[in-house]
Amino acid sequence: MMFPKKQYEPDHRVNIQYPINNYVSNHRLSESYALTINQLSNISIPSNVQEALTDPAWAKAVNEEMQALQKNSTWELVSLPKGKKTIGCRWVFTVKLKTDGSIDRYKARLVA
């Protein structure tokens, strides 16, 4: 007989700051939901682009987004009119999962 992991028992093998499976017991979830939660718990989502560029998977996602923006001619460089302010932008990182809980792809978006 297999016993569920005790709730709130930290797993020190995982190098994620706050892995969800350290705080939530998933023994009452269906197998597919438990797999999805465990998969998300083991993924570190970067909070800025410098952090993302240190991981090859996230760096690939950033490069794909930049190539798509250039291919679609999303912007052009122009002089800023007097009295106007520039619009800032930031990177948003997400992980897309398949229905079985495995990673489909890492996704990076540059948003204004």
N, C-alpha and C. Protein backbone atom coordinates (compact mmCIF):
# COMPACT_ATOMS: atom_id res chain seq x y z
N MET A 1 0.84 -1.18 0.00
CA MET A 1 0.00 0.00 0.00
C MET A 1 0.89 1.25 0.00
N MET A 2 0.53 2.22 -0.82
CA MET A 2 1.32 3.44 -0.92
C MET A 2 0.67 4.55 -0.09
N PHE A 3 1.43 5.21 0.76
CA PHE A 3 0.91 6.28 1.59
C PHE A 3 1.24 7.62 0.97
N PRO A 4 0.31 8.58 1.04
CA PRO A 4 0.60 9.90 0.48
C PRO A 4 1.66 10.61 1.31
N LYS A 5 2.35 11.50 0.66
CA LYS A 5 3.35 12.31 1.35
C LYS A 5 2.66 13.17 2.39
N LYS A 6 3.27 13.31 3.54
CA LYS A 6 2.69 14.14 4.59
C LYS A 6 2.58 15.58 4.10
N GLN A 7 1.46 16.20 4.45
CA GLN A 7 1.27 17.58 4.05
C GLN A 7 2.27 18.47 4.78
N TYR A 8 2.80 19.46 4.07
CA TYR A 8 3.74 20.44 4.59
C TYR A 8 5.12 19.85 4.90
N GLU A 9 5.44 18.71 4.31
CA GLU A 9 6.77 18.13 4.51
C GLU A 9 7.68 18.62 3.39
N PRO A 10 8.68 19.44 3.69
CA PRO A 10 9.52 20.00 2.63
C PRO A 10 10.36 18.94 1.92
N ASP A 11 10.52 19.11 0.65
CA ASP A 11 11.38 18.25 -0.16
C ASP A 11 12.64 19.05 -0.47
N HIS A 12 13.74 18.73 0.19
CA HIS A 12 14.97 19.50 0.07
C HIS A 12 15.77 19.16 -1.18
N ARG A 13 15.32 18.16 -1.95
CA ARG A 13 16.02 17.81 -3.18
C ARG A 13 15.69 18.79 -4.30
N VAL A 14 14.57 19.48 -4.20
CA VAL A 14 14.12 20.41 -5.23
C VAL A 14 14.67 21.79 -4.93
N ASN A 15 15.25 22.44 -5.94
CA ASN A 15 15.87 23.75 -5.76
C ASN A 15 14.94 24.88 -6.22
N ILE A 16 13.68 24.83 -5.80
CA ILE A 16 12.69 25.85 -6.10
C ILE A 16 12.40 26.58 -4.79
N GLN A 17 12.25 27.89 -4.86
CA GLN A 17 12.09 28.67 -3.63
C GLN A 17 10.86 28.24 -2.82
N TYR A 18 9.71 28.11 -3.47
CA TYR A 18 8.49 27.71 -2.76
C TYR A 18 7.75 26.63 -3.54
N PRO A 19 8.24 25.38 -3.59
CA PRO A 19 7.55 24.34 -4.34
C PRO A 19 6.19 24.03 -3.71
N ILE A 20 5.18 23.98 -4.53
CA ILE A 20 3.81 23.82 -4.04
C ILE A 20 3.61 22.51 -3.29
N ASN A 21 4.34 21.44 -3.71
CA ASN A 21 4.13 20.17 -3.04
C ASN A 21 4.73 20.14 -1.64
N ASN A 22 5.42 21.19 -1.22
CA ASN A 22 5.85 21.29 0.18
C ASN A 22 4.73 21.81 1.07
N TYR A 23 3.69 22.37 0.48
CA TYR A 23 2.64 23.01 1.25
C TYR A 23 1.26 22.42 1.04
N VAL A 24 1.10 21.62 0.00
CA VAL A 24 -0.21 21.08 -0.33
C VAL A 24 -0.09 19.57 -0.54
N SER A 25 -1.00 18.83 0.05
CA SER A 25 -1.04 17.39 -0.17
C SER A 25 -1.92 17.12 -1.39
N ASN A 26 -1.46 16.24 -2.27
CA ASN A 26 -2.24 15.96 -3.48
C ASN A 26 -2.80 14.55 -3.49
N HIS A 27 -2.87 13.89 -2.37
CA HIS A 27 -3.31 12.50 -2.35
C HIS A 27 -4.79 12.32 -2.70
N ARG A 28 -5.58 13.38 -2.67
CA ARG A 28 -7.00 13.28 -3.04
C ARG A 28 -7.27 13.73 -4.47
N LEU A 29 -6.25 14.13 -5.18
CA LEU A 29 -6.41 14.56 -6.57
C LEU A 29 -6.32 13.37 -7.50
N SER A 30 -6.91 13.52 -8.68
CA SER A 30 -6.76 12.48 -9.69
C SER A 30 -5.29 12.43 -10.11
N GLU A 31 -4.91 11.33 -10.72
CA GLU A 31 -3.50 11.15 -11.10
C GLU A 31 -3.02 12.23 -12.06
N SER A 32 -3.88 12.61 -13.03
CA SER A 32 -3.45 13.62 -14.01
C SER A 32 -3.27 14.99 -13.35
N TYR A 33 -4.15 15.36 -12.42
CA TYR A 33 -3.99 16.64 -11.72
C TYR A 33 -2.75 16.62 -10.83
N ALA A 34 -2.51 15.51 -10.16
CA ALA A 34 -1.33 15.39 -9.29
C ALA A 34 -0.06 15.51 -10.12
N LEU A 35 -0.02 14.89 -11.30
CA LEU A 35 1.15 15.00 -12.17
C LEU A 35 1.38 16.45 -12.62
N THR A 36 0.29 17.14 -12.95
CA THR A 36 0.39 18.53 -13.39
C THR A 36 0.94 19.41 -12.27
N ILE A 37 0.42 19.25 -11.07
CA ILE A 37 0.89 20.05 -9.93
C ILE A 37 2.34 19.75 -9.62
N ASN A 38 2.71 18.48 -9.63
CA ASN A 38 4.10 18.13 -9.36
C ASN A 38 5.03 18.68 -10.43
N GLN A 39 4.59 18.65 -11.68
CA GLN A 39 5.40 19.18 -12.78
C GLN A 39 5.61 20.68 -12.60
N LEU A 40 4.53 21.42 -12.31
CA LEU A 40 4.64 22.86 -12.12
C LEU A 40 5.50 23.20 -10.90
N SER A 41 5.46 22.35 -9.89
CA SER A 41 6.21 22.59 -8.68
C SER A 41 7.72 22.49 -8.92
N ASN A 42 8.13 21.74 -9.93
CA ASN A 42 9.54 21.52 -10.19
C ASN A 42 10.11 22.47 -11.23
N ILE A 43 9.30 23.42 -11.71
CA ILE A 43 9.74 24.37 -12.72
C ILE A 43 9.94 25.73 -12.07
N SER A 44 11.07 26.33 -12.33
CA SER A 44 11.33 27.67 -11.82
C SER A 44 11.01 28.67 -12.93
N ILE A 45 10.03 29.52 -12.71
CA ILE A 45 9.65 30.54 -13.69
C ILE A 45 10.42 31.82 -13.35
N PRO A 46 11.21 32.32 -14.30
CA PRO A 46 12.04 33.50 -14.01
C PRO A 46 11.20 34.75 -13.79
N SER A 47 11.74 35.65 -12.98
CA SER A 47 11.03 36.90 -12.69
C SER A 47 11.55 38.05 -13.55
N ASN A 48 12.68 37.86 -14.24
CA ASN A 48 13.19 38.90 -15.12
C ASN A 48 13.98 38.25 -16.25
N VAL A 49 14.30 39.03 -17.26
CA VAL A 49 14.94 38.48 -18.45
C VAL A 49 16.38 38.04 -18.16
N GLN A 50 17.08 38.71 -17.26
CA GLN A 50 18.44 38.31 -16.93
C GLN A 50 18.45 36.90 -16.34
N GLU A 51 17.49 36.62 -15.47
CA GLU A 51 17.37 35.30 -14.87
C GLU A 51 16.99 34.27 -15.94
N ALA A 52 16.13 34.64 -16.87
CA ALA A 52 15.69 33.72 -17.92
C ALA A 52 16.84 33.34 -18.84
N LEU A 53 17.70 34.28 -19.14
CA LEU A 53 18.78 34.02 -20.09
C LEU A 53 19.85 33.09 -19.54
N THR A 54 19.83 32.81 -18.25
CA THR A 54 20.78 31.85 -17.67
C THR A 54 20.36 30.41 -17.87
N ASP A 55 19.08 30.18 -18.20
CA ASP A 55 18.56 28.83 -18.44
C ASP A 55 18.35 28.65 -19.94
N PRO A 56 18.95 27.62 -20.55
CA PRO A 56 18.84 27.44 -22.01
C PRO A 56 17.39 27.32 -22.52
N ALA A 57 16.51 26.68 -21.77
CA ALA A 57 15.12 26.53 -22.22
C ALA A 57 14.42 27.89 -22.28
N TRP A 58 14.63 28.71 -21.26
CA TRP A 58 14.01 30.04 -21.25
C TRP A 58 14.67 30.96 -22.26
N ALA A 59 15.99 30.84 -22.43
CA ALA A 59 16.70 31.66 -23.43
C ALA A 59 16.17 31.36 -24.83
N LYS A 60 15.88 30.09 -25.10
CA LYS A 60 15.31 29.71 -26.39
C LYS A 60 13.93 30.35 -26.58
N ALA A 61 13.12 30.37 -25.52
CA ALA A 61 11.79 30.98 -25.59
C ALA A 61 11.90 32.48 -25.86
N VAL A 62 12.85 33.16 -25.22
CA VAL A 62 13.06 34.60 -25.44
C VAL A 62 13.49 34.85 -26.88
N ASN A 63 14.41 34.03 -27.39
CA ASN A 63 14.88 34.19 -28.78
C ASN A 63 13.74 33.96 -29.78
N GLU A 64 12.89 32.96 -29.52
CA GLU A 64 11.75 32.70 -30.40
C GLU A 64 10.80 33.89 -30.43
N GLU A 65 10.55 34.50 -29.28
CA GLU A 65 9.66 35.66 -29.21
C GLU A 65 10.27 36.84 -29.97
N MET A 66 11.56 37.08 -29.80
CA MET A 66 12.22 38.19 -30.51
C MET A 66 12.19 37.96 -32.02
N GLN A 67 12.41 36.73 -32.46
CA GLN A 67 12.36 36.42 -33.89
C GLN A 67 10.95 36.64 -34.44
N ALA A 68 9.93 36.26 -33.68
CA ALA A 68 8.54 36.45 -34.12
C ALA A 68 8.22 37.95 -34.22
N LEU A 69 8.67 38.73 -33.26
CA LEU A 69 8.43 40.18 -33.29
C LEU A 69 9.11 40.82 -34.49
N GLN A 70 10.32 40.40 -34.80
CA GLN A 70 11.04 40.95 -35.95
C GLN A 70 10.40 40.50 -37.26
N LYS A 71 10.01 39.23 -37.33
CA LYS A 71 9.39 38.69 -38.55
C LYS A 71 8.09 39.42 -38.88
N ASN A 72 7.31 39.75 -37.84
CA ASN A 72 6.02 40.41 -38.03
C ASN A 72 6.13 41.93 -38.11
N SER A 73 7.34 42.46 -38.10
CA SER A 73 7.56 43.91 -38.12
C SER A 73 6.68 44.61 -37.08
N THR A 74 6.79 44.14 -35.85
CA THR A 74 5.94 44.63 -34.77
C THR A 74 6.19 46.10 -34.44
N TRP A 75 7.42 46.55 -34.61
CA TRP A 75 7.73 47.93 -34.29
C TRP A 75 8.77 48.49 -35.25
N GLU A 76 8.92 49.80 -35.19
CA GLU A 76 10.00 50.46 -35.92
C GLU A 76 10.54 51.56 -35.02
N LEU A 77 11.81 51.81 -35.14
CA LEU A 77 12.45 52.84 -34.32
C LEU A 77 12.20 54.21 -34.96
N VAL A 78 11.69 55.12 -34.15
CA VAL A 78 11.44 56.49 -34.61
C VAL A 78 11.89 57.44 -33.51
N SER A 79 12.03 58.70 -33.86
CA SER A 79 12.38 59.71 -32.86
C SER A 79 11.15 60.00 -32.00
N LEU A 80 11.39 60.21 -30.72
CA LEU A 80 10.31 60.50 -29.78
C LEU A 80 9.92 61.97 -29.90
N PRO A 81 8.64 62.27 -30.15
CA PRO A 81 8.21 63.67 -30.23
C PRO A 81 8.43 64.39 -28.90
N LYS A 82 8.67 65.70 -28.99
CA LYS A 82 8.89 66.48 -27.77
C LYS A 82 7.66 66.42 -26.87
N GLY A 83 7.91 66.30 -25.56
CA GLY A 83 6.83 66.29 -24.58
C GLY A 83 6.15 64.94 -24.42
N LYS A 84 6.59 63.91 -25.13
CA LYS A 84 5.99 62.58 -25.04
C LYS A 84 6.89 61.65 -24.24
N LYS A 85 6.29 60.68 -23.58
CA LYS A 85 7.03 59.71 -22.80
C LYS A 85 7.03 58.36 -23.51
N THR A 86 8.09 57.61 -23.32
CA THR A 86 8.16 56.27 -23.92
C THR A 86 7.29 55.30 -23.13
N ILE A 87 6.86 54.26 -23.81
CA ILE A 87 6.10 53.19 -23.16
C ILE A 87 7.09 52.11 -22.76
N GLY A 88 7.06 51.70 -21.52
CA GLY A 88 7.95 50.66 -21.04
C GLY A 88 7.45 49.28 -21.46
N CYS A 89 8.29 48.29 -21.27
CA CYS A 89 7.89 46.92 -21.56
C CYS A 89 8.55 45.99 -20.55
N ARG A 90 8.04 44.78 -20.48
CA ARG A 90 8.62 43.77 -19.60
C ARG A 90 8.35 42.39 -20.17
N TRP A 91 9.09 41.42 -19.70
CA TRP A 91 8.93 40.04 -20.14
C TRP A 91 8.00 39.30 -19.19
N VAL A 92 7.12 38.47 -19.78
CA VAL A 92 6.23 37.61 -19.01
C VAL A 92 6.55 36.17 -19.42
N PHE A 93 6.78 35.32 -18.42
CA PHE A 93 7.17 33.93 -18.68
C PHE A 93 6.11 32.98 -18.17
N THR A 94 5.75 32.00 -18.99
CA THR A 94 4.79 30.97 -18.61
C THR A 94 5.24 29.62 -19.15
N VAL A 95 4.69 28.57 -18.58
CA VAL A 95 4.97 27.22 -19.04
C VAL A 95 3.67 26.63 -19.56
N LYS A 96 3.70 26.12 -20.78
CA LYS A 96 2.54 25.47 -21.37
C LYS A 96 2.68 23.97 -21.16
N LEU A 97 1.62 23.35 -20.64
CA LEU A 97 1.64 21.93 -20.34
C LEU A 97 0.72 21.16 -21.28
N LYS A 98 1.06 19.90 -21.51
CA LYS A 98 0.19 18.99 -22.26
C LYS A 98 -0.88 18.49 -21.31
N THR A 99 -1.87 17.78 -21.83
CA THR A 99 -2.96 17.30 -21.00
C THR A 99 -2.51 16.27 -19.97
N ASP A 100 -1.40 15.60 -20.23
CA ASP A 100 -0.91 14.61 -19.26
C ASP A 100 -0.02 15.24 -18.18
N GLY A 101 0.16 16.56 -18.22
CA GLY A 101 0.95 17.25 -17.21
C GLY A 101 2.40 17.46 -17.59
N SER A 102 2.84 16.91 -18.71
CA SER A 102 4.22 17.11 -19.13
C SER A 102 4.37 18.47 -19.81
N ILE A 103 5.59 18.95 -19.87
CA ILE A 103 5.86 20.27 -20.43
C ILE A 103 5.69 20.24 -21.94
N ASP A 104 4.87 21.13 -22.45
CA ASP A 104 4.72 21.30 -23.90
C ASP A 104 5.79 22.25 -24.41
N ARG A 105 5.87 23.44 -23.77
CA ARG A 105 6.90 24.40 -24.16
C ARG A 105 7.00 25.52 -23.13
N TYR A 106 8.12 26.21 -23.16
CA TYR A 106 8.34 27.39 -22.36
C TYR A 106 7.95 28.57 -23.24
N LYS A 107 7.21 29.53 -22.67
CA LYS A 107 6.70 30.63 -23.45
C LYS A 107 7.14 31.96 -22.82
N ALA A 108 7.70 32.83 -23.65
CA ALA A 108 8.10 34.17 -23.21
C ALA A 108 7.39 35.19 -24.09
N ARG A 109 6.86 36.23 -23.47
CA ARG A 109 6.19 37.30 -24.20
C ARG A 109 6.72 38.64 -23.74
N LEU A 110 6.96 39.53 -24.69
CA LEU A 110 7.37 40.90 -24.40
C LEU A 110 6.11 41.76 -24.46
N VAL A 111 5.74 42.37 -23.37
CA VAL A 111 4.49 43.14 -23.30
C VAL A 111 4.76 44.58 -22.92
N ALA A 112 3.93 45.48 -23.43
CA ALA A 112 4.06 46.91 -23.11
C ALA A 112 3.37 47.21 -21.81
